[in-house]
C-alpha atoms as a PDB file:
ATOM      1  CA  MET A   1     111.292  67.703  78.156  1.00  0.00           C
ATOM      2  CA  LYS A   2     113.041  71.024  78.701  1.00  0.00           C
ATOM      3  CA  ASN A   3     110.875  72.705  76.053  1.00  0.00           C
ATOM      4  CA  LEU A   4     107.759  71.178  77.619  1.00  0.00           C
ATOM      5  CA  PHE A   5     108.741  72.519  81.021  1.00  0.00           C
ATOM      6  CA  GLY A   6     109.413  75.935  79.491  1.00  0.00           C
ATOM      7  CA  LEU A   7     105.946  76.020  77.918  1.00  0.00           C
ATOM      8  CA  LEU A   8     104.382  74.904  81.186  1.00  0.00           C
ATOM      9  CA  PHE A   9     106.238  77.586  83.125  1.00  0.00           C
ATOM     10  CA  LEU A  10     105.204  80.219  80.572  1.00  0.00           C
ATOM     11  CA  SER A  11     101.574  79.130  80.796  1.00  0.00           C
ATOM     12  CA  LEU A  12     101.622  79.252  84.579  1.00  0.00           C
ATOM     13  CA  SER A  13     103.352  82.633  84.460  1.00  0.00           C
ATOM     14  CA  ILE A  14     100.708  84.096  82.165  1.00  0.00           C
ATOM     15  CA  PHE A  15      98.005  82.779  84.494  1.00  0.00           C
ATOM     16  CA  ALA A  16      99.774  84.198  87.521  1.00  0.00           C
ATOM     17  CA  GLN A  17     100.237  87.578  85.889  1.00  0.00           C
ATOM     18  CA  ALA A  18      96.478  87.880  85.365  1.00  0.00           C
ATOM     19  CA  GLN A  19      96.220  88.376  89.139  1.00  0.00           C
ATOM     20  CA  LYS A  20      97.242  91.514  91.006  1.00  0.00           C
ATOM     21  CA  ALA A  21      99.227  91.680  94.229  1.00  0.00           C
ATOM     22  CA  PRO A  22      97.428  93.469  97.093  1.00  0.00           C
ATOM     23  CA  ASP A  23      99.209  96.377  98.737  1.00  0.00           C
ATOM     24  CA  PHE A  24     100.710  96.228 102.215  1.00  0.00           C
ATOM     25  CA  THR A  25     102.937  98.196 104.553  1.00  0.00           C
ATOM     26  CA  MET A  26     105.543  96.570 106.777  1.00  0.00           C
ATOM     27  CA  THR A  27     108.130  97.709 109.307  1.00  0.00           C
ATOM     28  CA  ASP A  28     111.392  95.789 109.028  1.00  0.00           C
ATOM     29  CA  ILE A  29     113.499  94.628 111.966  1.00  0.00           C
ATOM     30  CA  HIS A  30     115.626  97.791 111.691  1.00  0.00           C
ATOM     31  CA  ASN A  31     112.490  99.955 112.088  1.00  0.00           C
ATOM     32  CA  ASN A  32     112.298 101.054 108.440  1.00  0.00           C
ATOM     33  CA  GLN A  33     108.803 101.241 106.939  1.00  0.00           C
ATOM     34  CA  TRP A  34     108.111  99.871 103.461  1.00  0.00           C
ATOM     35  CA  SER A  35     105.042  99.933 101.222  1.00  0.00           C
ATOM     36  CA  LEU A  36     104.706  97.510  98.321  1.00  0.00           C
ATOM     37  CA  TYR A  37     102.854  99.970  96.102  1.00  0.00           C
ATOM     38  CA  ASP A  38     105.304 102.771  96.915  1.00  0.00           C
ATOM     39  CA  GLU A  39     108.132 100.599  95.579  1.00  0.00           C
ATOM     40  CA  LEU A  40     106.107  99.642  92.489  1.00  0.00           C
ATOM     41  CA  ALA A  41     105.342 103.311  91.842  1.00  0.00           C
ATOM     42  CA  LYS A  42     109.095 103.919  91.642  1.00  0.00           C
ATOM     43  CA  GLY A  43     109.216 101.425  88.762  1.00  0.00           C
ATOM     44  CA  LYS A  44     110.659  98.681  90.958  1.00  0.00           C
ATOM     45  CA  THR A  45     109.991  94.954  90.776  1.00  0.00           C
ATOM     46  CA  VAL A  46     109.558  93.341  94.193  1.00  0.00           C
ATOM     47  CA  VAL A  47     110.390  89.780  95.261  1.00  0.00           C
ATOM     48  CA  LEU A  48     108.266  88.479  98.146  1.00  0.00           C
ATOM     49  CA  ASP A  49     109.910  85.804 100.306  1.00  0.00           C
ATOM     50  CA  PHE A  50     107.410  84.264 102.741  1.00  0.00           C
ATOM     51  CA  PHE A  51     109.401  82.275 105.298  1.00  0.00           C
ATOM     52  CA  PHE A  52     109.993  81.558 108.981  1.00  0.00           C
ATOM     53  CA  ALA A  53     113.249  81.195 110.865  1.00  0.00           C
ATOM     54  CA  ASN A  54     112.994  77.500 111.848  1.00  0.00           C
ATOM     55  CA  CYS A  55     112.115  76.402 108.304  1.00  0.00           C
ATOM     56  CA  THR A  56     115.021  74.293 107.029  1.00  0.00           C
ATOM     57  CA  PRO A  57     114.423  74.982 103.293  1.00  0.00           C
ATOM     58  CA  CYS A  58     114.182  78.692 104.139  1.00  0.00           C
ATOM     59  CA  GLN A  59     117.569  78.523 105.857  1.00  0.00           C
ATOM     60  CA  THR A  60     119.115  76.685 102.883  1.00  0.00           C
ATOM     61  CA  LEU A  61     117.732  79.041 100.222  1.00  0.00           C
ATOM     62  CA  THR A  62     118.170  82.388 101.974  1.00  0.00           C
ATOM     63  CA  PRO A  63     121.853  82.802 100.941  1.00  0.00           C
ATOM     64  CA  MET A  64     120.756  82.206  97.326  1.00  0.00           C
ATOM     65  CA  MET A  65     118.003  84.804  97.689  1.00  0.00           C
ATOM     66  CA  GLU A  66     120.624  87.189  99.035  1.00  0.00           C
ATOM     67  CA  GLN A  67     122.665  86.512  95.887  1.00  0.00           C
ATOM     68  CA  VAL A  68     119.633  87.426  93.740  1.00  0.00           C
ATOM     69  CA  TYR A  69     119.311  90.639  95.752  1.00  0.00           C
ATOM     70  CA  GLN A  70     122.979  91.480  95.171  1.00  0.00           C
ATOM     71  CA  ASP A  71     122.940  90.508  91.474  1.00  0.00           C
ATOM     72  CA  TYR A  72     120.025  92.873  90.827  1.00  0.00           C
ATOM     73  CA  GLY A  73     121.505  95.917  92.540  1.00  0.00           C
ATOM     74  CA  ALA A  74     120.881  95.290  96.273  1.00  0.00           C
ATOM     75  CA  GLY A  75     117.877  97.606  96.297  1.00  0.00           C
ATOM     76  CA  ALA A  76     119.731 100.492  94.642  1.00  0.00           C
ATOM     77  CA  ALA A  77     118.390  99.738  91.144  1.00  0.00           C
ATOM     78  CA  ASN A  78     114.968  98.444  90.110  1.00  0.00           C
ATOM     79  CA  VAL A  79     114.600  95.277  92.200  1.00  0.00           C
ATOM     80  CA  MET A  80     113.695  95.001  95.884  1.00  0.00           C
ATOM     81  CA  VAL A  81     113.350  91.883  98.050  1.00  0.00           C
ATOM     82  CA  PHE A  82     111.040  91.697 101.071  1.00  0.00           C
ATOM     83  CA  GLY A  83     111.331  88.880 103.596  1.00  0.00           C
ATOM     84  CA  ILE A  84     108.000  88.256 105.338  1.00  0.00           C
ATOM     85  CA  SER A  85     107.682  86.000 108.406  1.00  0.00           C
ATOM     86  CA  PHE A  86     104.309  85.274 109.975  1.00  0.00           C
ATOM     87  CA  THR A  87     105.631  83.974 113.286  1.00  0.00           C
ATOM     88  CA  ASP A  88     109.063  85.384 114.228  1.00  0.00           C
ATOM     89  CA  ASN A  89     109.791  88.405 116.405  1.00  0.00           C
ATOM     90  CA  ASN A  90     112.496  90.948 115.604  1.00  0.00           C
ATOM     91  CA  ALA A  91     115.158  89.338 117.801  1.00  0.00           C
ATOM     92  CA  ARG A  92     114.740  85.961 116.111  1.00  0.00           C
ATOM     93  CA  LEU A  93     114.826  87.542 112.637  1.00  0.00           C
ATOM     94  CA  LEU A  94     117.939  89.528 113.487  1.00  0.00           C
ATOM     95  CA  GLN A  95     119.659  86.278 114.452  1.00  0.00           C
ATOM     96  CA  PHE A  96     118.372  84.689 111.236  1.00  0.00           C
ATOM     97  CA  GLU A  97     119.880  87.554 109.197  1.00  0.00           C
ATOM     98  CA  GLN A  98     123.221  87.097 110.911  1.00  0.00           C
ATOM     99  CA  ASN A  99     123.204  83.310 110.512  1.00  0.00           C
ATOM    100  CA  TYR A 100     122.250  83.224 106.824  1.00  0.00           C
ATOM    101  CA  GLY A 101     123.618  86.508 105.474  1.00  0.00           C
ATOM    102  CA  ALA A 102     120.384  88.246 104.461  1.00  0.00           C
ATOM    103  CA  THR A 103     120.652  92.017 104.021  1.00  0.00           C
ATOM    104  CA  TYR A 104     117.286  92.734 102.350  1.00  0.00           C
ATOM    105  CA  PRO A 105     114.406  94.107 104.478  1.00  0.00           C
ATOM    106  CA  SER A 106     112.533  91.529 106.567  1.00  0.00           C
ATOM    107  CA  ALA A 107     109.504  91.881 108.817  1.00  0.00           C
ATOM    108  CA  GLY A 108     108.065  89.505 111.402  1.00  0.00           C
ATOM    109  CA  ASN A 109     104.992  89.594 113.586  1.00  0.00           C
ATOM    110  CA  GLU A 110     106.164  92.834 115.229  1.00  0.00           C
ATOM    111  CA  GLY A 111     106.307  94.569 111.840  1.00  0.00           C
ATOM    112  CA  GLY A 112     103.153  93.251 110.194  1.00  0.00           C
ATOM    113  CA  GLY A 113     104.516  90.025 108.696  1.00  0.00           C
ATOM    114  CA  ASP A 114     101.689  87.939 110.175  1.00  0.00           C
ATOM    115  CA  THR A 115      99.030  90.290 108.765  1.00  0.00           C
ATOM    116  CA  ILE A 116     100.677  90.346 105.324  1.00  0.00           C
ATOM    117  CA  THR A 117     100.928  86.550 105.234  1.00  0.00           C
ATOM    118  CA  SER A 118      97.238  86.212 106.173  1.00  0.00           C
ATOM    119  CA  LEU A 119      96.321  88.725 103.462  1.00  0.00           C
ATOM    120  CA  TYR A 120      98.210  86.836 100.768  1.00  0.00           C
ATOM    121  CA  GLN A 121      96.909  83.473 101.970  1.00  0.00           C
ATOM    122  CA  SER A 122      93.421  84.840 101.318  1.00  0.00           C
ATOM    123  CA  TRP A 123      94.396  85.796  97.746  1.00  0.00           C
ATOM    124  CA  PHE A 124      96.769  83.037  96.628  1.00  0.00           C
ATOM    125  CA  PRO A 125      97.372  79.349  97.394  1.00  0.00           C
ATOM    126  CA  PHE A 126     100.253  78.562  99.744  1.00  0.00           C
ATOM    127  CA  VAL A 127     101.766  75.091  99.355  1.00  0.00           C
ATOM    128  CA  GLY A 128     104.474  75.446 102.003  1.00  0.00           C
ATOM    129  CA  PHE A 129     107.381  77.574 103.078  1.00  0.00           C
ATOM    130  CA  PRO A 130     109.276  79.306 101.713  1.00  0.00           C
ATOM    131  CA  THR A 131     106.814  80.700  99.174  1.00  0.00           C
ATOM    132  CA  TYR A 132     108.220  83.060  96.545  1.00  0.00           C
ATOM    133  CA  ALA A 133     106.520  85.630  94.340  1.00  0.00           C
ATOM    134  CA  VAL A 134     107.684  88.345  91.938  1.00  0.00           C
ATOM    135  CA  VAL A 135     105.531  91.477  91.623  1.00  0.00           C
ATOM    136  CA  CYS A 136     105.983  93.623  88.497  1.00  0.00           C
ATOM    137  CA  PRO A 137     105.635  97.441  88.560  1.00  0.00           C
ATOM    138  CA  ASP A 138     102.065  97.116  87.217  1.00  0.00           C
ATOM    139  CA  SER A 139     101.286  94.882  90.293  1.00  0.00           C
ATOM    140  CA  SER A 140     100.939  91.716  88.188  1.00  0.00           C
ATOM    141  CA  VAL A 141     102.435  88.780  90.054  1.00  0.00           C
ATOM    142  CA  PHE A 142     104.290  85.543  89.361  1.00  0.00           C
ATOM    143  CA  TRP A 143     103.148  83.384  92.288  1.00  0.00           C
ATOM    144  CA  ASN A 144     104.656  80.316  93.985  1.00  0.00           C
ATOM    145  CA  LEU A 145     107.868  80.246  91.979  1.00  0.00           C
ATOM    146  CA  PRO A 146     109.948  77.052  92.242  1.00  0.00           C
ATOM    147  CA  ARG A 147     112.328  76.631  95.155  1.00  0.00           C
ATOM    148  CA  ASN A 148     115.244  75.695  92.894  1.00  0.00           C
ATOM    149  CA  ALA A 149     118.898  76.375  93.649  1.00  0.00           C
ATOM    150  CA  ASN A 150     119.895  79.842  92.386  1.00  0.00           C
ATOM    151  CA  PHE A 151     116.270  80.525  91.353  1.00  0.00           C
ATOM    152  CA  PRO A 152     116.397  80.337  87.517  1.00  0.00           C
ATOM    153  CA  GLU A 153     112.596  80.673  87.155  1.00  0.00           C
ATOM    154  CA  LEU A 154     112.467  83.528  89.642  1.00  0.00           C
ATOM    155  CA  ARG A 155     115.240  85.302  87.743  1.00  0.00           C
ATOM    156  CA  ASP A 156     113.328  84.766  84.479  1.00  0.00           C
ATOM    157  CA  SER A 157     110.281  86.370  86.086  1.00  0.00           C
ATOM    158  CA  LEU A 158     112.374  89.328  87.227  1.00  0.00           C
ATOM    159  CA  ASP A 159     113.654  89.786  83.686  1.00  0.00           C
ATOM    160  CA  VAL A 160     110.089  89.774  82.322  1.00  0.00           C
ATOM    161  CA  CYS A 161     109.118  92.477  84.823  1.00  0.00           C
ATOM    162  CA  LEU A 162     112.220  94.535  84.120  1.00  0.00           C
ATOM    163  CA  ALA A 163     111.273  94.664  80.439  1.00  0.00           C
ATOM    164  CA  LYS A 164     108.138  96.581  81.442  1.00  0.00           C
ATOM    165  CA  PHE A 165     108.900 100.266  81.713  1.00  0.00           C
ATOM    166  CA  SER A 166     106.825 102.234  84.207  1.00  0.00           C
ATOM    167  CA  LEU A 167     106.407 105.967  83.629  1.00  0.00           C
ATOM    168  CA  PRO A 168     103.264 106.738  85.639  1.00  0.00           C
ATOM    169  CA  ASP A 169     102.513 110.200  84.213  1.00  0.00           C
ATOM    170  CA  LEU A 170     102.486 109.008  80.597  1.00  0.00           C
ATOM    171  CA  LYS A 171      99.455 107.612  78.829  1.00  0.00           C
ATOM    172  CA  LYS A 172      99.100 103.838  78.901  1.00  0.00           C
ATOM    173  CA  SER A 173      99.221 103.824  75.088  1.00  0.00           C
ATOM    174  CA  VAL A 174     102.969 104.440  75.272  1.00  0.00           C
ATOM    175  CA  THR A 175     104.903 101.170  75.077  1.00  0.00           C
ATOM    176  CA  LEU A 176     108.580 100.738  75.824  1.00  0.00           C
ATOM    177  CA  GLN A 177     110.483  97.494  75.476  1.00  0.00           C
ATOM    178  CA  LEU A 178     114.078  96.456  76.102  1.00  0.00           C
ATOM    179  CA  TYR A 179     114.965  92.928  74.996  1.00  0.00           C
ATOM    180  CA  PRO A 180     116.564  90.478  75.354  1.00  0.00           C
ATOM    181  CA  ASN A 181     117.510  91.019  78.978  1.00  0.00           C
ATOM    182  CA  PRO A 182     119.891  89.413  79.907  1.00  0.00           C
ATOM    183  CA  ALA A 183     121.674  90.248  76.646  1.00  0.00           C
ATOM    184  CA  ARG A 184     124.904  89.207  74.969  1.00  0.00           C
ATOM    185  CA  ASP A 185     126.048  91.203  71.914  1.00  0.00           C
ATOM    186  CA  VAL A 186     123.026  93.415  71.258  1.00  0.00           C
ATOM    187  CA  VAL A 187     119.891  94.658  73.006  1.00  0.00           C
ATOM    188  CA  HIS A 188     116.886  96.096  71.164  1.00  0.00           C
ATOM    189  CA  PHE A 189     114.989  99.152  72.372  1.00  0.00           C
ATOM    190  CA  GLU A 190     111.533  99.840  70.935  1.00  0.00           C
ATOM    191  CA  ASN A 191     109.077 102.598  71.782  1.00  0.00           C
ATOM    192  CA  SER A 192     105.817 104.153  70.633  1.00  0.00           C
ATOM    193  CA  TRP A 193     106.632 107.558  72.131  1.00  0.00           C
ATOM    194  CA  LYS A 194     106.018 110.398  69.644  1.00  0.00           C
ATOM    195  CA  GLY A 195     108.905 112.553  70.803  1.00  0.00           C
ATOM    196  CA  ASN A 196     112.661 112.301  71.167  1.00  0.00           C
ATOM    197  CA  VAL A 197     114.117 109.742  73.573  1.00  0.00           C
ATOM    198  CA  ASP A 198     117.411 109.991  75.448  1.00  0.00           C
ATOM    199  CA  LEU A 199     119.079 106.722  76.435  1.00  0.00           C
ATOM    200  CA  LYS A 200     122.037 106.035  78.735  1.00  0.00           C
ATOM    201  CA  ILE A 201     123.963 103.014  79.951  1.00  0.00           C
ATOM    202  CA  MET A 202     125.606 103.544  83.335  1.00  0.00           C
ATOM    203  CA  SER A 203     127.493 101.478  85.868  1.00  0.00           C
ATOM    204  CA  LEU A 204     125.728 100.556  89.106  1.00  0.00           C
ATOM    205  CA  GLN A 205     127.740 103.373  90.678  1.00  0.00           C
ATOM    206  CA  GLY A 206     126.205 105.867  88.221  1.00  0.00           C
ATOM    207  CA  SER A 207     129.177 106.387  85.870  1.00  0.00           C
ATOM    208  CA  LEU A 208     128.041 107.160  82.301  1.00  0.00           C
ATOM    209  CA  LEU A 209     129.279 104.557  79.815  1.00  0.00           C
ATOM    210  CA  ARG A 210     127.239 105.304  76.673  1.00  0.00           C
ATOM    211  CA  ASN A 211     124.407 107.625  75.655  1.00  0.00           C
ATOM    212  CA  TRP A 212     122.175 108.183  72.616  1.00  0.00           C
ATOM    213  CA  ALA A 213     119.592 110.696  71.454  1.00  0.00           C
ATOM    214  CA  VAL A 214     116.910 108.828  69.497  1.00  0.00           C
ATOM    215  CA  GLU A 215     114.898 110.875  66.985  1.00  0.00           C
ATOM    216  CA  LYS A 216     111.113 110.651  67.088  1.00  0.00           C
ATOM    217  CA  GLU A 217     110.850 108.721  63.823  1.00  0.00           C
ATOM    218  CA  ASP A 218     113.159 105.947  65.083  1.00  0.00           C
ATOM    219  CA  TYR A 219     110.945 103.484  66.931  1.00  0.00           C
ATOM    220  CA  ARG A 220     113.708 100.884  67.321  1.00  0.00           C
ATOM    221  CA  LEU A 221     117.380 101.064  68.248  1.00  0.00           C
ATOM    222  CA  ASP A 222     119.853  98.181  68.203  1.00  0.00           C
ATOM    223  CA  VAL A 223     122.356  98.784  70.990  1.00  0.00           C
ATOM    224  CA  TRP A 224     125.590  96.873  70.436  1.00  0.00           C
ATOM    225  CA  LEU A 225     127.327  95.750  73.617  1.00  0.00           C
ATOM    226  CA  PRO A 226     130.676  94.091  72.772  1.00  0.00           C
ATOM    227  CA  HIS A 227     132.581  96.910  74.487  1.00  0.00           C
ATOM    228  CA  LEU A 228     130.929  96.114  77.819  1.00  0.00           C
ATOM    229  CA  ARG A 229     132.025  93.280  80.085  1.00  0.00           C
ATOM    230  CA  ALA A 230     129.600  90.737  81.465  1.00  0.00           C
ATOM    231  CA  GLY A 231     127.808  92.220  84.438  1.00  0.00           C
ATOM    232  CA  THR A 232     124.873  94.351  85.530  1.00  0.00           C
ATOM    233  CA  TYR A 233     124.328  97.913  84.310  1.00  0.00           C
ATOM    234  CA  ILE A 234     121.696 100.646  84.594  1.00  0.00           C
ATOM    235  CA  PHE A 235     119.778 101.450  81.395  1.00  0.00           C
ATOM    236  CA  GLU A 236     118.122 104.883  81.647  1.00  0.00           C
ATOM    237  CA  ILE A 237     115.341 106.155  79.403  1.00  0.00           C
ATOM    238  CA  LYS A 238     114.226 109.789  79.370  1.00  0.00           C
ATOM    239  CA  LEU A 239     111.048 110.850  77.580  1.00  0.00           C
ATOM    240  CA  GLY A 240     110.343 114.536  77.918  1.00  0.00           C
ATOM    241  CA  GLU A 241     110.667 115.356  81.611  1.00  0.00           C
ATOM    242  CA  GLN A 242     110.206 111.747  82.713  1.00  0.00           C
ATOM    243  CA  LYS A 243     112.843 109.120  83.099  1.00  0.00           C
ATOM    244  CA  ALA A 244     113.064 105.526  84.263  1.00  0.00           C
ATOM    245  CA  GLN A 245     115.996 103.296  85.133  1.00  0.00           C
ATOM    246  CA  HIS A 246     116.090  99.533  84.659  1.00  0.00           C
ATOM    247  CA  LEU A 247     118.788  96.942  85.106  1.00  0.00           C
ATOM    248  CA  LEU A 248     120.456  95.567  81.990  1.00  0.00           C
ATOM    249  CA  VAL A 249     122.251  92.275  82.526  1.00  0.00           C
ATOM    250  CA  ILE A 250     125.015  91.347  80.048  1.00  0.00           C
ATOM    251  CA  LYS A 251     126.161  87.737  79.929  1.00  0.00           C
END
């Protein structure tokens, strides 16, 4: 049964990723402006949390969404979470943040949340609230992810997106892959770049832990990890003058 569910989830994910997420701009309850495509252009993966304050499942799951946000770098690395309410004003959302411990950006009807919800309802099916989606840097989207405790399917979708490296000034023919992620003893890095590649593993605070210079003829590198404790790290790739940073999770 577990394997059947896994195949079903994969099939649904592939179908979902065939669709693209439309762009939007929102102003959060602390008066910060955010654009979905601006975050994607930075190589970030974005979680969309469509909710409203009086929704009981939303209240129950928000602390778990906050844990996802913290586990993936709290916005400082390559994952961002946007809370989007179609009906709540800023005062109600501020109280919601305080009650349920959310620290990721949220917008209500004063910041465009109603318009964004209407836009996405015209593109994708809503089956209730909360509704969750994960948008990869290429704007492909995993839609209507299960509302399960601790979000295992949502985390799997994040990991799929994080394996996609986004370097916007390079030709699309360049492929970069980092897998598995999360990893245990070893992670594999593969690339089709025709020049030298510089790789680094850093702490979330930016401290350098390991670095490599990969010669142009080496398309694959096995990175052994037994010296690193379980946790979340930043994996940086530099190709020529371009570089990208992605989270590497070690179990």
